[in-house]
Amino acid sequence: MSAMSNPINPAGGNAFTPSRLIAQAAERTGADFDFLMRTASRESGFDAGARAATSSAAGMFQFIEQTWFAMVARYGDQHGMGDAAASIEQNADGRFQISDPSQREAVLNLRFDPQAAAFMAGELAAENASRIESAIGRSPTSGELYAAHFLGAGGAIRLIQGVESNPTQRADQLFPNAAAANRPVFYDNGRALNAGELMEKLTGEAVTLTREVAQVTDASSPVTAMASSWARFAQGGYGAARVGDGVLSPAVVEILASLRAPERSSSER
């Protein structure tokens, strides 16, 4: 099969309006608009042509190859990528593959189409929300959904449950491969973050320590300091911009776009 044309952006250009395309994806997939905007900002700074330095992640939402193949195989036909979906096979060990090299490259290059990436990110968010809710018995927060985008649904569930059982356990021991590929996320000046700190870093949501843990955590500890920091942010400190009516203002989009995107692990997402 010859190289596959881009069914959504045939010209293959990267010029686009993030908020408009993401709004379309949110409406079509049922995903939360603010979540998709924040994820695109944090993953790539809204750069449709972004590539990760340490993994196969690419595009505005930084999909790694296997996650992209899985999403296109399941949902591509619903979003104008029927040929791409039909070309993907799943082998006996569960991995997705495309036998023809040129076709494989064409499908992977669809990650650089911001609309295609937004549609698949919306579908992935819906899948992750369902899996997490089944595992923890409640709807995940938007921060927990971002953790799932970063670590995979299974990784997010492990982190949520790990924080509930022992928030001071080392995060790099829970996710050794992800930590090796994403040192700036898992370490602070060489110090390994614990599970609670990683959760706060990924989600922006303060972790409430159990009484047993709080009794052995003094006010100067990293966990307490970070929780206090996020509490002040939530109350409007540190210049926090508030979002209303489900629409991010241009100023907030600019702030989000300035955030550094964490590098991606190819093995634990």
C-alpha atoms as a PDB file:
ATOM      1  CA  MET A   1       0.000   0.000   0.000  1.00  0.00           C
ATOM      2  CA  SER A   2       1.353   3.448  -0.877  1.00  0.00           C
ATOM      3  CA  ALA A   3       1.983   6.093   1.756  1.00  0.00           C
ATOM      4  CA  MET A   4      -1.304   6.978   3.385  1.00  0.00           C
ATOM      5  CA  SER A   5      -2.655  10.478   2.889  1.00  0.00           C
ATOM      6  CA  ASN A   6      -3.795  12.429   5.904  1.00  0.00           C
ATOM      7  CA  PRO A   7      -7.614  12.255   5.893  1.00  0.00           C
ATOM      8  CA  ILE A   8      -8.040  15.177   8.278  1.00  0.00           C
ATOM      9  CA  ASN A   9      -5.296  17.567   7.205  1.00  0.00           C
ATOM     10  CA  PRO A  10      -4.308  16.542   3.655  1.00  0.00           C
ATOM     11  CA  ALA A  11      -1.834  19.374   3.298  1.00  0.00           C
ATOM     12  CA  GLY A  12       0.101  17.964   6.234  1.00  0.00           C
ATOM     13  CA  GLY A  13       0.736  21.390   7.714  1.00  0.00           C
ATOM     14  CA  ASN A  14       0.997  22.173  11.408  1.00  0.00           C
ATOM     15  CA  ALA A  15      -0.764  25.560  11.322  1.00  0.00           C
ATOM     16  CA  PHE A  16      -3.880  25.283  13.496  1.00  0.00           C
ATOM     17  CA  THR A  17      -5.882  26.831  16.284  1.00  0.00           C
ATOM     18  CA  PRO A  18      -5.560  24.521  19.317  1.00  0.00           C
ATOM     19  CA  SER A  19      -8.659  25.665  21.155  1.00  0.00           C
ATOM     20  CA  ARG A  20     -10.910  25.242  18.110  1.00  0.00           C
ATOM     21  CA  LEU A  21      -9.650  21.781  17.175  1.00  0.00           C
ATOM     22  CA  ILE A  22      -9.638  20.564  20.770  1.00  0.00           C
ATOM     23  CA  ALA A  23     -13.167  21.895  21.278  1.00  0.00           C
ATOM     24  CA  GLN A  24     -14.290  19.831  18.280  1.00  0.00           C
ATOM     25  CA  ALA A  25     -12.595  16.744  19.690  1.00  0.00           C
ATOM     26  CA  ALA A  26     -14.136  17.297  23.124  1.00  0.00           C
ATOM     27  CA  GLU A  27     -17.598  17.636  21.621  1.00  0.00           C
ATOM     28  CA  ARG A  28     -17.239  14.542  19.457  1.00  0.00           C
ATOM     29  CA  THR A  29     -15.678  12.247  22.074  1.00  0.00           C
ATOM     30  CA  GLY A  30     -17.346  13.587  25.220  1.00  0.00           C
ATOM     31  CA  ALA A  31     -13.970  14.382  26.781  1.00  0.00           C
ATOM     32  CA  ASP A  32     -13.534  17.420  29.010  1.00  0.00           C
ATOM     33  CA  PHE A  33     -12.308  20.439  27.028  1.00  0.00           C
ATOM     34  CA  ASP A  34     -10.211  21.892  29.850  1.00  0.00           C
ATOM     35  CA  PHE A  35      -8.554  18.512  30.450  1.00  0.00           C
ATOM     36  CA  LEU A  36      -7.598  18.158  26.782  1.00  0.00           C
ATOM     37  CA  MET A  37      -6.290  21.734  26.660  1.00  0.00           C
ATOM     38  CA  ARG A  38      -4.167  21.282  29.773  1.00  0.00           C
ATOM     39  CA  THR A  39      -2.868  17.933  28.543  1.00  0.00           C
ATOM     40  CA  ALA A  40      -1.871  19.304  25.130  1.00  0.00           C
ATOM     41  CA  SER A  41      -0.158  22.220  26.830  1.00  0.00           C
ATOM     42  CA  ARG A  42       1.753  20.089  29.273  1.00  0.00           C
ATOM     43  CA  GLU A  43       2.656  17.376  26.781  1.00  0.00           C
ATOM     44  CA  SER A  44       3.884  19.559  23.923  1.00  0.00           C
ATOM     45  CA  GLY A  45       3.099  23.225  24.475  1.00  0.00           C
ATOM     46  CA  PHE A  46       0.493  22.810  21.703  1.00  0.00           C
ATOM     47  CA  ASP A  47       3.249  21.847  19.242  1.00  0.00           C
ATOM     48  CA  ALA A  48       1.702  19.462  16.700  1.00  0.00           C
ATOM     49  CA  GLY A  49       5.158  18.473  15.458  1.00  0.00           C
ATOM     50  CA  ALA A  50       6.705  17.728  18.859  1.00  0.00           C
ATOM     51  CA  ARG A  51       8.919  14.666  19.314  1.00  0.00           C
ATOM     52  CA  ALA A  52      10.150  13.244  22.622  1.00  0.00           C
ATOM     53  CA  ALA A  53      13.888  12.831  23.102  1.00  0.00           C
ATOM     54  CA  THR A  54      13.756   9.615  25.139  1.00  0.00           C
ATOM     55  CA  SER A  55      10.892   7.610  23.612  1.00  0.00           C
ATOM     56  CA  SER A  56       8.687   7.169  20.555  1.00  0.00           C
ATOM     57  CA  ALA A  57       6.212   9.806  21.786  1.00  0.00           C
ATOM     58  CA  ALA A  58       5.192  12.351  19.159  1.00  0.00           C
ATOM     59  CA  GLY A  59       2.576  14.934  18.273  1.00  0.00           C
ATOM     60  CA  MET A  60       0.554  17.409  20.279  1.00  0.00           C
ATOM     61  CA  PHE A  61      -0.526  14.762  22.820  1.00  0.00           C
ATOM     62  CA  GLN A  62       2.756  12.799  22.724  1.00  0.00           C
ATOM     63  CA  PHE A  63       1.354   9.394  21.850  1.00  0.00           C
ATOM     64  CA  ILE A  64       3.861   6.546  21.880  1.00  0.00           C
ATOM     65  CA  GLU A  65       3.624   4.066  19.020  1.00  0.00           C
ATOM     66  CA  GLN A  66       1.721   1.271  20.762  1.00  0.00           C
ATOM     67  CA  THR A  67      -0.836   3.581  22.361  1.00  0.00           C
ATOM     68  CA  TRP A  68      -1.411   5.312  19.032  1.00  0.00           C
ATOM     69  CA  PHE A  69      -1.864   2.031  17.158  1.00  0.00           C
ATOM     70  CA  ALA A  70      -4.309   0.814  19.818  1.00  0.00           C
ATOM     71  CA  MET A  71      -6.418   3.967  19.698  1.00  0.00           C
ATOM     72  CA  VAL A  72      -6.495   4.169  15.896  1.00  0.00           C
ATOM     73  CA  ALA A  73      -7.377   0.476  15.654  1.00  0.00           C
ATOM     74  CA  ARG A  74     -10.322   0.955  18.020  1.00  0.00           C
ATOM     75  CA  TYR A  75     -11.564   4.423  17.074  1.00  0.00           C
ATOM     76  CA  GLY A  76      -9.957   5.486  13.807  1.00  0.00           C
ATOM     77  CA  ASP A  77     -12.933   4.444  11.708  1.00  0.00           C
ATOM     78  CA  GLN A  78     -15.159   6.827  13.707  1.00  0.00           C
ATOM     79  CA  HIS A  79     -12.871   9.777  13.025  1.00  0.00           C
ATOM     80  CA  GLY A  80     -12.005   9.591   9.339  1.00  0.00           C
ATOM     81  CA  MET A  81      -9.094   7.162   9.639  1.00  0.00           C
ATOM     82  CA  GLY A  82     -10.766   3.969   8.475  1.00  0.00           C
ATOM     83  CA  ASP A  83      -7.897   2.887   6.206  1.00  0.00           C
ATOM     84  CA  ALA A  84      -5.417   3.406   9.008  1.00  0.00           C
ATOM     85  CA  ALA A  85      -7.561   1.427  11.448  1.00  0.00           C
ATOM     86  CA  ALA A  86      -7.956  -1.458   9.004  1.00  0.00           C
ATOM     87  CA  SER A  87      -4.198  -1.707   8.502  1.00  0.00           C
ATOM     88  CA  ILE A  88      -3.432  -2.394  12.178  1.00  0.00           C
ATOM     89  CA  GLU A  89      -3.239  -5.949  13.500  1.00  0.00           C
ATOM     90  CA  GLN A  90      -2.874  -7.237  17.051  1.00  0.00           C
ATOM     91  CA  ASN A  91      -0.552 -10.196  17.495  1.00  0.00           C
ATOM     92  CA  ALA A  92      -0.786 -13.067  19.964  1.00  0.00           C
ATOM     93  CA  ASP A  93       1.064 -11.231  22.741  1.00  0.00           C
ATOM     94  CA  GLY A  94      -1.254  -8.228  22.469  1.00  0.00           C
ATOM     95  CA  ARG A  95       1.052  -5.838  20.630  1.00  0.00           C
ATOM     96  CA  PHE A  96      -0.265  -3.825  17.702  1.00  0.00           C
ATOM     97  CA  GLN A  97       1.614  -3.891  14.428  1.00  0.00           C
ATOM     98  CA  ILE A  98       1.531  -2.942  10.747  1.00  0.00           C
ATOM     99  CA  SER A  99       3.519  -5.224   8.486  1.00  0.00           C
ATOM    100  CA  ASP A 100       4.119  -2.813   5.597  1.00  0.00           C
ATOM    101  CA  PRO A 101       6.884  -0.323   6.559  1.00  0.00           C
ATOM    102  CA  SER A 102       5.607   2.597   4.468  1.00  0.00           C
ATOM    103  CA  GLN A 103       2.064   2.113   5.720  1.00  0.00           C
ATOM    104  CA  ARG A 104       3.324   1.875   9.289  1.00  0.00           C
ATOM    105  CA  GLU A 105       5.141   5.184   8.914  1.00  0.00           C
ATOM    106  CA  ALA A 106       2.065   6.813   7.388  1.00  0.00           C
ATOM    107  CA  VAL A 107      -0.145   5.763  10.302  1.00  0.00           C
ATOM    108  CA  LEU A 108       2.400   6.943  12.862  1.00  0.00           C
ATOM    109  CA  ASN A 109       2.681  10.273  11.050  1.00  0.00           C
ATOM    110  CA  LEU A 110      -1.010  10.866  11.714  1.00  0.00           C
ATOM    111  CA  ARG A 111       0.090  11.724  15.255  1.00  0.00           C
ATOM    112  CA  PHE A 112       1.326  15.023  13.816  1.00  0.00           C
ATOM    113  CA  ASP A 113      -2.166  15.936  12.654  1.00  0.00           C
ATOM    114  CA  PRO A 114      -3.472  17.933  15.628  1.00  0.00           C
ATOM    115  CA  GLN A 115      -7.111  17.075  14.969  1.00  0.00           C
ATOM    116  CA  ALA A 116      -6.442  13.349  14.684  1.00  0.00           C
ATOM    117  CA  ALA A 117      -4.332  13.508  17.840  1.00  0.00           C
ATOM    118  CA  ALA A 118      -7.055  15.423  19.688  1.00  0.00           C
ATOM    119  CA  PHE A 119      -9.723  12.900  18.689  1.00  0.00           C
ATOM    120  CA  MET A 120      -7.591   9.989  19.875  1.00  0.00           C
ATOM    121  CA  ALA A 121      -6.687  11.832  23.094  1.00  0.00           C
ATOM    122  CA  GLY A 122     -10.385  12.316  23.789  1.00  0.00           C
ATOM    123  CA  GLU A 123     -11.118   8.644  23.232  1.00  0.00           C
ATOM    124  CA  LEU A 124      -8.146   7.668  25.399  1.00  0.00           C
ATOM    125  CA  ALA A 125      -9.365   9.918  28.209  1.00  0.00           C
ATOM    126  CA  ALA A 126     -12.776   8.230  28.098  1.00  0.00           C
ATOM    127  CA  GLU A 127     -11.174   4.775  28.234  1.00  0.00           C
ATOM    128  CA  ASN A 128      -8.896   5.760  31.098  1.00  0.00           C
ATOM    129  CA  ALA A 129     -11.765   7.295  33.073  1.00  0.00           C
ATOM    130  CA  SER A 130     -13.770   4.091  32.788  1.00  0.00           C
ATOM    131  CA  ARG A 131     -10.862   1.879  33.863  1.00  0.00           C
ATOM    132  CA  ILE A 132      -9.922   4.062  36.809  1.00  0.00           C
ATOM    133  CA  GLU A 133     -13.509   4.371  38.036  1.00  0.00           C
ATOM    134  CA  SER A 134     -13.908   0.586  37.925  1.00  0.00           C
ATOM    135  CA  ALA A 135     -10.723   0.141  39.955  1.00  0.00           C
ATOM    136  CA  ILE A 136     -11.155   2.821  42.634  1.00  0.00           C
ATOM    137  CA  GLY A 137     -14.938   3.087  42.865  1.00  0.00           C
ATOM    138  CA  ARG A 138     -15.262   6.762  41.968  1.00  0.00           C
ATOM    139  CA  SER A 139     -14.834   9.072  39.016  1.00  0.00           C
ATOM    140  CA  PRO A 140     -11.222  10.194  38.538  1.00  0.00           C
ATOM    141  CA  THR A 141     -10.302  13.837  38.868  1.00  0.00           C
ATOM    142  CA  SER A 142      -8.917  15.664  35.846  1.00  0.00           C
ATOM    143  CA  GLY A 143      -5.499  15.470  37.472  1.00  0.00           C
ATOM    144  CA  GLU A 144      -5.776  11.708  37.846  1.00  0.00           C
ATOM    145  CA  LEU A 145      -6.761  11.513  34.180  1.00  0.00           C
ATOM    146  CA  TYR A 146      -3.561  13.346  33.292  1.00  0.00           C
ATOM    147  CA  ALA A 147      -1.617  10.854  35.397  1.00  0.00           C
ATOM    148  CA  ALA A 148      -3.272   8.146  33.288  1.00  0.00           C
ATOM    149  CA  HIS A 149      -2.241   9.923  30.077  1.00  0.00           C
ATOM    150  CA  PHE A 150       1.324  10.044  31.392  1.00  0.00           C
ATOM    151  CA  LEU A 151       1.592   6.621  33.070  1.00  0.00           C
ATOM    152  CA  GLY A 152      -1.215   4.707  31.369  1.00  0.00           C
ATOM    153  CA  ALA A 153      -4.445   3.763  33.112  1.00  0.00           C
ATOM    154  CA  GLY A 154      -2.791   0.862  34.922  1.00  0.00           C
ATOM    155  CA  GLY A 155       0.010   3.105  36.138  1.00  0.00           C
ATOM    156  CA  ALA A 156      -2.417   5.765  37.333  1.00  0.00           C
ATOM    157  CA  ILE A 157      -4.414   3.172  39.249  1.00  0.00           C
ATOM    158  CA  ARG A 158      -1.213   1.877  40.845  1.00  0.00           C
ATOM    159  CA  LEU A 159      -0.214   5.415  41.812  1.00  0.00           C
ATOM    160  CA  ILE A 160      -3.643   6.300  43.237  1.00  0.00           C
ATOM    161  CA  GLN A 161      -3.750   3.111  45.286  1.00  0.00           C
ATOM    162  CA  GLY A 162      -0.103   3.515  46.293  1.00  0.00           C
ATOM    163  CA  VAL A 163      -0.759   7.022  47.588  1.00  0.00           C
ATOM    164  CA  GLU A 164      -3.776   5.808  49.544  1.00  0.00           C
ATOM    165  CA  SER A 165      -1.814   2.988  51.184  1.00  0.00           C
ATOM    166  CA  ASN A 166       1.584   4.636  51.661  1.00  0.00           C
ATOM    167  CA  PRO A 167       2.147   8.111  50.161  1.00  0.00           C
ATOM    168  CA  THR A 168       5.749   8.264  51.400  1.00  0.00           C
ATOM    169  CA  GLN A 169       6.967   5.242  49.411  1.00  0.00           C
ATOM    170  CA  ARG A 170       9.470   6.070  46.675  1.00  0.00           C
ATOM    171  CA  ALA A 171       7.831   6.723  43.322  1.00  0.00           C
ATOM    172  CA  ASP A 172      10.839   5.515  41.339  1.00  0.00           C
ATOM    173  CA  GLN A 173      10.425   2.107  42.949  1.00  0.00           C
ATOM    174  CA  LEU A 174       6.772   1.986  41.883  1.00  0.00           C
ATOM    175  CA  PHE A 175       7.664   2.988  38.312  1.00  0.00           C
ATOM    176  CA  PRO A 176      11.340   2.176  37.692  1.00  0.00           C
ATOM    177  CA  ASN A 177      11.182   2.330  33.892  1.00  0.00           C
ATOM    178  CA  ALA A 178       9.207   5.563  33.802  1.00  0.00           C
ATOM    179  CA  ALA A 179      11.570   7.097  36.354  1.00  0.00           C
ATOM    180  CA  ALA A 180      14.612   6.140  34.291  1.00  0.00           C
ATOM    181  CA  ALA A 181      13.130   7.820  31.204  1.00  0.00           C
ATOM    182  CA  ASN A 182      11.709  10.862  33.031  1.00  0.00           C
ATOM    183  CA  ARG A 183      14.185  11.870  35.718  1.00  0.00           C
ATOM    184  CA  PRO A 184      12.991  15.507  35.949  1.00  0.00           C
ATOM    185  CA  VAL A 185       9.525  14.209  36.830  1.00  0.00           C
ATOM    186  CA  PHE A 186      10.603  11.665  39.440  1.00  0.00           C
ATOM    187  CA  TYR A 187      13.548  13.477  41.061  1.00  0.00           C
ATOM    188  CA  ASP A 188      14.089  16.878  42.625  1.00  0.00           C
ATOM    189  CA  ASN A 189      17.771  17.854  42.501  1.00  0.00           C
ATOM    190  CA  GLY A 190      18.714  14.198  42.773  1.00  0.00           C
ATOM    191  CA  ARG A 191      16.233  13.380  45.549  1.00  0.00           C
ATOM    192  CA  ALA A 192      13.675  10.733  44.626  1.00  0.00           C
ATOM    193  CA  LEU A 193      10.094  11.931  44.997  1.00  0.00           C
ATOM    194  CA  ASN A 194       7.691   9.818  46.991  1.00  0.00           C
ATOM    195  CA  ALA A 195       4.328   8.650  45.669  1.00  0.00           C
ATOM    196  CA  GLY A 196       2.424  11.548  47.196  1.00  0.00           C
ATOM    197  CA  GLU A 197       4.801  14.102  45.721  1.00  0.00           C
ATOM    198  CA  LEU A 198       4.616  12.488  42.289  1.00  0.00           C
ATOM    199  CA  MET A 199       0.827  12.523  42.447  1.00  0.00           C
ATOM    200  CA  GLU A 200       0.861  16.218  43.311  1.00  0.00           C
ATOM    201  CA  LYS A 201       3.385  16.980  40.587  1.00  0.00           C
ATOM    202  CA  LEU A 202       1.349  15.197  37.914  1.00  0.00           C
ATOM    203  CA  THR A 203      -2.110  16.259  39.016  1.00  0.00           C
ATOM    204  CA  GLY A 204      -1.711  19.636  40.710  1.00  0.00           C
ATOM    205  CA  GLU A 205      -3.923  18.259  43.473  1.00  0.00           C
ATOM    206  CA  ALA A 206      -2.721  18.229  47.061  1.00  0.00           C
ATOM    207  CA  VAL A 207      -2.490  14.791  48.643  1.00  0.00           C
ATOM    208  CA  THR A 208      -4.123  14.485  52.057  1.00  0.00           C
ATOM    209  CA  LEU A 209      -1.953  12.347  54.298  1.00  0.00           C
ATOM    210  CA  THR A 210      -3.491   9.802  56.626  1.00  0.00           C
ATOM    211  CA  ARG A 211      -3.197  10.568  60.337  1.00  0.00           C
ATOM    212  CA  GLU A 212      -0.567   7.854  60.749  1.00  0.00           C
ATOM    213  CA  VAL A 213       1.602   9.340  58.012  1.00  0.00           C
ATOM    214  CA  ALA A 214       0.991  12.924  59.133  1.00  0.00           C
ATOM    215  CA  GLN A 215       2.248  12.098  62.628  1.00  0.00           C
ATOM    216  CA  VAL A 216       5.690  11.231  61.237  1.00  0.00           C
ATOM    217  CA  THR A 217       5.822  14.056  58.675  1.00  0.00           C
ATOM    218  CA  ASP A 218       6.983  17.389  60.056  1.00  0.00           C
ATOM    219  CA  ALA A 219       6.045  20.789  58.672  1.00  0.00           C
ATOM    220  CA  SER A 220       9.363  21.200  56.862  1.00  0.00           C
ATOM    221  CA  SER A 221       9.137  17.924  54.923  1.00  0.00           C
ATOM    222  CA  PRO A 222       8.825  17.977  51.119  1.00  0.00           C
ATOM    223  CA  VAL A 223       5.373  16.383  51.272  1.00  0.00           C
ATOM    224  CA  THR A 224       4.000  18.993  53.663  1.00  0.00           C
ATOM    225  CA  ALA A 225       5.652  21.855  51.797  1.00  0.00           C
ATOM    226  CA  MET A 226       4.247  20.747  48.466  1.00  0.00           C
ATOM    227  CA  ALA A 227       0.761  20.213  49.891  1.00  0.00           C
ATOM    228  CA  SER A 228       0.885  23.702  51.389  1.00  0.00           C
ATOM    229  CA  SER A 229       2.049  25.127  48.063  1.00  0.00           C
ATOM    230  CA  TRP A 230      -0.819  23.561  46.151  1.00  0.00           C
ATOM    231  CA  ALA A 231      -3.288  24.666  48.813  1.00  0.00           C
ATOM    232  CA  ARG A 232      -2.169  28.284  48.368  1.00  0.00           C
ATOM    233  CA  PHE A 233      -2.430  27.905  44.590  1.00  0.00           C
ATOM    234  CA  ALA A 234      -5.973  26.541  44.893  1.00  0.00           C
ATOM    235  CA  GLN A 235      -6.911  29.528  47.049  1.00  0.00           C
ATOM    236  CA  GLY A 236      -5.724  31.922  44.363  1.00  0.00           C
ATOM    237  CA  GLY A 237      -2.150  32.465  45.508  1.00  0.00           C
ATOM    238  CA  TYR A 238       0.919  32.540  43.258  1.00  0.00           C
ATOM    239  CA  GLY A 239      -1.021  34.426  40.599  1.00  0.00           C
ATOM    240  CA  ALA A 240      -3.342  31.508  39.887  1.00  0.00           C
ATOM    241  CA  ALA A 241      -5.698  32.118  36.980  1.00  0.00           C
ATOM    242  CA  ARG A 242      -9.214  30.903  37.528  1.00  0.00           C
ATOM    243  CA  VAL A 243     -11.171  29.220  34.764  1.00  0.00           C
ATOM    244  CA  GLY A 244     -14.914  29.652  34.407  1.00  0.00           C
ATOM    245  CA  ASP A 245     -17.613  28.322  32.104  1.00  0.00           C
ATOM    246  CA  GLY A 246     -15.325  25.590  30.766  1.00  0.00           C
ATOM    247  CA  VAL A 247     -13.406  27.974  28.475  1.00  0.00           C
ATOM    248  CA  LEU A 248      -9.752  28.858  28.927  1.00  0.00           C
ATOM    249  CA  SER A 249      -8.866  32.487  28.302  1.00  0.00           C
ATOM    250  CA  PRO A 250      -6.040  33.353  25.858  1.00  0.00           C
ATOM    251  CA  ALA A 251      -3.911  34.441  28.802  1.00  0.00           C
ATOM    252  CA  VAL A 252      -4.318  31.065  30.489  1.00  0.00           C
ATOM    253  CA  VAL A 253      -3.511  29.279  27.228  1.00  0.00           C
ATOM    254  CA  GLU A 254      -0.284  31.287  26.999  1.00  0.00           C
ATOM    255  CA  ILE A 255       0.624  30.347  30.561  1.00  0.00           C
ATOM    256  CA  LEU A 256      -0.115  26.690  29.892  1.00  0.00           C
ATOM    257  CA  ALA A 257       1.941  26.743  26.712  1.00  0.00           C
ATOM    258  CA  SER A 258       4.943  28.023  28.670  1.00  0.00           C
ATOM    259  CA  LEU A 259       4.998  24.966  30.938  1.00  0.00           C
ATOM    260  CA  ARG A 260       7.761  22.484  30.251  1.00  0.00           C
ATOM    261  CA  ALA A 261       6.451  19.185  28.904  1.00  0.00           C
ATOM    262  CA  PRO A 262       7.728  16.127  30.809  1.00  0.00           C
ATOM    263  CA  GLU A 263       9.529  13.557  28.704  1.00  0.00           C
ATOM    264  CA  ARG A 264       7.727  10.345  28.029  1.00  0.00           C
ATOM    265  CA  SER A 265       8.439   6.766  29.050  1.00  0.00           C
ATOM    266  CA  SER A 266       7.919   4.285  26.244  1.00  0.00           C
ATOM    267  CA  SER A 267       7.502   1.291  28.525  1.00  0.00           C
ATOM    268  CA  GLU A 268       5.120   2.380  31.269  1.00  0.00           C
ATOM    269  CA  ARG A 269       2.589   4.542  29.502  1.00  0.00           C
END
